[in-house]
Amino acid sequence: MIARIGIVDDHPAIVLGVSSIVNAHEGMRVIVSAPSVPALLRGAPVFDLILLDLTLADGSTPTTNMALLAVTGAPVLAYTVGDRPHLIREAAAAGAIGMLRKSELPRAIVDAVRAALAGETVASADWASALKRDTDFVDAMLTARESEVLAMYAAGETAERVAARLFLSPATVIDHVKRIRGKYAAAGRPATTKVDLFRRAVEDGLLDPES
């Protein structure tokens, strides 16, 4: 099965380079590229991963673009030069699975794409630095949905039961948990086990310590 990749970037040379790198590896292919999110979504293509430039000529924001891309159900990897930490934080808060620098070597690009396709957070040094630098973001780094999932899952519910209560699929719940773990790891508060997630939920006021 070939993983279907989408790219949102308004620099043709960048798109050509990344597409060549991705398409040279078995099991993944760039199926659509576009200079804006609306253009990418024309025809309702199906994606397994989307690379999103955080600074586009149409003036759109990471928050707006992430909201539009949510209809695809695909994870989104921020693909940027990394010189604007506030945009990285915004993308993370909106649900991006991680960040990849445009200056990375081909091998690093392929590794990051494979990790993102596997549902892993691509927590580069720039990603971690941007998140740690903003204490307000660290304090409120989870989306409302992620907070709901964390509170239920950390309290002992299974992914299936959380899914039923929130009208989600179990796979979506698992994706949320992976992103939650990634955000905590990037903030220097790792939560590799369910017990760790319980501790973080208590620390952040989402659960009563006696629950």
Protein backbone atom coordinates (compact mmCIF):
# COMPACT_ATOMS: atom_id res chain seq x y z
CA MET A 1 0.00 0.00 0.00
CA ILE A 2 1.35 3.41 -0.98
CA ALA A 3 1.06 6.31 1.49
CA ARG A 4 -0.54 9.32 -0.17
CA ILE A 5 1.22 12.60 0.61
CA GLY A 6 -0.03 16.14 0.01
CA ILE A 7 2.13 19.28 0.03
CA VAL A 8 0.98 22.85 0.62
CA ASP A 9 3.79 25.19 -0.42
CA ASP A 10 3.88 28.15 -2.81
CA HIS A 11 7.54 27.70 -3.77
CA PRO A 12 7.65 25.45 -6.88
CA ALA A 13 11.32 24.56 -6.44
CA ILE A 14 10.70 23.37 -2.88
CA VAL A 15 7.71 21.29 -3.97
CA LEU A 16 9.69 19.75 -6.81
CA GLY A 17 12.59 18.87 -4.52
CA VAL A 18 10.50 17.35 -1.76
CA SER A 19 8.34 15.44 -4.22
CA SER A 20 11.44 13.97 -5.84
CA ILE A 21 12.82 12.90 -2.46
CA VAL A 22 9.56 11.32 -1.31
CA ASN A 23 8.73 9.65 -4.62
CA ALA A 24 12.16 8.02 -4.77
CA HIS A 25 11.25 5.84 -1.80
CA GLU A 26 9.03 2.81 -1.89
CA GLY A 27 5.68 3.01 -0.16
CA MET A 28 5.09 6.76 -0.37
CA ARG A 29 4.12 9.20 -3.10
CA VAL A 30 3.18 12.86 -3.39
CA ILE A 31 -0.22 12.77 -5.08
CA VAL A 32 -1.15 16.47 -4.91
CA SER A 33 0.73 19.71 -4.28
CA ALA A 34 -0.75 23.20 -4.20
CA PRO A 35 0.13 26.77 -3.18
CA SER A 36 -2.79 26.97 -0.74
CA VAL A 37 -4.96 24.69 1.34
CA PRO A 38 -8.19 25.36 -0.61
CA ALA A 39 -6.34 24.48 -3.81
CA LEU A 40 -5.02 21.26 -2.26
CA LEU A 41 -8.51 20.20 -1.25
CA ARG A 42 -10.14 20.65 -4.65
CA GLY A 43 -11.53 17.35 -5.79
CA ALA A 44 -11.52 15.99 -2.22
CA PRO A 45 -8.36 13.85 -2.55
CA VAL A 46 -7.57 11.27 0.12
CA PHE A 47 -4.33 11.77 2.04
CA ASP A 48 -2.33 9.81 4.59
CA LEU A 49 -0.14 12.81 5.46
CA ILE A 50 0.04 16.49 4.55
CA LEU A 51 3.13 18.71 4.65
CA LEU A 52 2.10 22.30 5.39
CA ASP A 53 4.23 25.39 4.90
CA LEU A 54 3.42 27.78 7.75
CA THR A 55 4.05 30.97 5.76
CA LEU A 56 2.01 31.18 2.56
CA ALA A 57 1.54 34.03 0.11
CA ASP A 58 -2.24 34.00 0.57
CA GLY A 59 -1.79 35.35 4.12
CA SER A 60 -3.47 32.36 5.74
CA THR A 61 -2.57 31.30 9.28
CA PRO A 62 -1.61 27.86 10.60
CA THR A 63 -4.79 27.81 12.67
CA THR A 64 -7.03 28.49 9.68
CA ASN A 65 -5.21 26.02 7.47
CA MET A 66 -5.22 23.28 10.10
CA ALA A 67 -8.97 23.74 10.54
CA LEU A 68 -9.52 23.39 6.79
CA LEU A 69 -7.28 20.32 6.59
CA ALA A 70 -9.13 18.60 9.43
CA VAL A 71 -11.72 17.42 6.89
CA THR A 72 -9.10 15.08 5.41
CA GLY A 73 -8.51 13.24 8.69
CA ALA A 74 -4.81 13.11 7.79
CA PRO A 75 -2.00 14.12 10.18
CA VAL A 76 -0.32 17.40 9.29
CA LEU A 77 3.43 17.97 9.50
CA ALA A 78 4.61 21.58 9.60
CA TYR A 79 7.23 22.04 6.88
CA THR A 80 8.98 25.34 7.38
CA VAL A 81 12.27 27.23 7.63
CA GLY A 82 11.78 27.33 11.40
CA ASP A 83 12.55 31.01 11.89
CA ARG A 84 9.17 31.96 13.38
CA PRO A 85 8.60 30.12 16.66
CA HIS A 86 5.19 31.70 17.17
CA LEU A 87 3.94 30.03 13.99
CA ILE A 88 5.34 26.69 15.17
CA ARG A 89 3.51 27.09 18.48
CA GLU A 90 0.32 28.04 16.64
CA ALA A 91 0.56 24.98 14.41
CA ALA A 92 1.19 22.73 17.41
CA ALA A 93 -1.79 24.16 19.27
CA ALA A 94 -3.93 23.56 16.18
CA GLY A 95 -2.95 19.88 16.09
CA ALA A 96 0.15 19.55 13.88
CA ILE A 97 1.98 16.28 14.48
CA GLY A 98 5.40 17.92 14.44
CA MET A 99 7.79 20.04 12.45
CA LEU A 100 10.32 19.47 9.71
CA ARG A 101 12.86 22.05 8.54
CA LYS A 102 13.07 22.74 4.83
CA SER A 103 16.86 22.67 5.13
CA GLU A 104 16.98 19.04 6.30
CA LEU A 105 18.88 16.45 4.28
CA PRO A 106 16.85 14.02 2.16
CA ARG A 107 17.32 11.14 4.61
CA ALA A 108 15.96 13.25 7.47
CA ILE A 109 12.96 14.27 5.37
CA VAL A 110 12.13 10.65 4.56
CA ASP A 111 12.59 9.59 8.20
CA ALA A 112 10.28 12.39 9.38
CA VAL A 113 7.63 11.48 6.82
CA ARG A 114 7.78 7.81 7.82
CA ALA A 115 7.52 8.72 11.51
CA ALA A 116 4.53 10.99 10.88
CA LEU A 117 2.83 8.29 8.82
CA ALA A 118 3.29 5.92 11.76
CA GLY A 119 1.53 8.43 14.02
CA GLU A 120 4.67 9.51 15.83
CA THR A 121 5.29 13.13 16.81
CA VAL A 122 8.17 14.63 14.84
CA ALA A 123 9.62 16.56 17.75
CA SER A 124 12.63 18.31 16.23
CA ALA A 125 14.88 20.62 18.25
CA ASP A 126 13.10 23.64 16.73
CA TRP A 127 9.72 22.19 17.66
CA ALA A 128 10.72 21.52 21.26
CA SER A 129 12.45 24.89 21.61
CA ALA A 130 9.45 26.80 20.29
CA LEU A 131 7.08 25.04 22.68
CA LYS A 132 9.30 25.38 25.73
CA ARG A 133 9.88 29.08 25.12
CA ASP A 134 6.22 29.93 25.60
CA THR A 135 5.04 29.12 29.13
CA ASP A 136 1.46 30.10 28.28
CA PHE A 137 1.46 27.49 25.55
CA VAL A 138 2.93 24.82 27.82
CA ASP A 139 0.22 25.53 30.37
CA ALA A 140 -2.55 25.26 27.79
CA MET A 141 -0.97 23.16 25.08
CA LEU A 142 -3.83 20.71 24.64
CA THR A 143 -6.84 21.40 22.47
CA ALA A 144 -10.28 21.10 24.06
CA ARG A 145 -10.77 17.69 22.43
CA GLU A 146 -7.34 16.46 23.54
CA SER A 147 -8.15 17.56 27.10
CA GLU A 148 -11.37 15.53 27.00
CA VAL A 149 -9.59 12.48 25.67
CA LEU A 150 -6.78 12.78 28.23
CA ALA A 151 -9.16 13.16 31.16
CA MET A 152 -11.10 10.01 30.24
CA TYR A 153 -8.20 7.87 29.02
CA ALA A 154 -5.90 8.76 31.93
CA ALA A 155 -8.69 8.02 34.39
CA GLY A 156 -8.68 4.40 33.24
CA GLU A 157 -11.04 4.26 30.27
CA THR A 158 -10.01 2.24 27.22
CA ALA A 159 -9.64 3.86 23.81
CA GLU A 160 -12.83 2.09 22.73
CA ARG A 161 -14.85 3.46 25.65
CA VAL A 162 -13.49 6.97 25.17
CA ALA A 163 -14.39 6.73 21.49
CA ALA A 164 -17.95 5.66 22.28
CA ARG A 165 -18.46 8.47 24.79
CA LEU A 166 -17.08 11.16 22.48
CA PHE A 167 -18.57 9.75 19.26
CA LEU A 168 -15.14 9.17 17.74
CA SER A 169 -13.44 6.14 16.26
CA PRO A 170 -10.95 4.24 18.45
CA ALA A 171 -8.25 5.06 15.87
CA THR A 172 -8.95 8.78 16.30
CA VAL A 173 -8.68 8.46 20.07
CA ILE A 174 -5.34 6.68 19.71
CA ASP A 175 -4.14 9.46 17.39
CA HIS A 176 -5.14 12.04 20.02
CA VAL A 177 -3.23 10.12 22.70
CA LYS A 178 -0.12 10.02 20.50
CA ARG A 179 -0.30 13.77 19.94
CA ILE A 180 -0.84 14.38 23.65
CA ARG A 181 2.26 12.33 24.46
CA GLY A 182 4.22 14.24 21.83
CA LYS A 183 3.20 17.62 23.20
CA TYR A 184 4.14 16.65 26.74
CA ALA A 185 7.47 15.28 25.52
CA ALA A 186 8.22 18.49 23.63
CA ALA A 187 7.38 20.50 26.76
CA GLY A 188 9.88 18.50 28.80
CA ARG A 189 7.16 16.58 30.66
CA PRO A 190 7.28 13.09 29.12
CA ALA A 191 4.27 10.81 29.49
CA THR A 192 5.30 7.48 28.04
CA THR A 193 2.94 5.35 30.14
CA LYS A 194 -0.72 5.60 31.12
CA VAL A 195 0.38 6.31 34.70
CA ASP A 196 2.42 9.25 33.40
CA LEU A 197 -0.63 10.53 31.54
CA PHE A 198 -2.63 10.32 34.76
CA ARG A 199 0.03 12.37 36.54
CA ARG A 200 0.05 15.03 33.82
CA ALA A 201 -3.75 15.21 33.86
CA VAL A 202 -3.67 15.74 37.62
CA GLU A 203 -0.87 18.34 37.36
CA ASP A 204 -2.86 20.27 34.75
CA GLY A 205 -6.12 20.16 36.68
CA LEU A 206 -7.95 17.78 34.34
CA LEU A 207 -8.34 15.04 36.97
CA ASP A 208 -8.78 14.91 40.70
CA PRO A 209 -5.79 13.09 42.30
CA GLU A 210 -8.26 10.84 44.13
CA SER A 211 -9.99 9.72 40.93
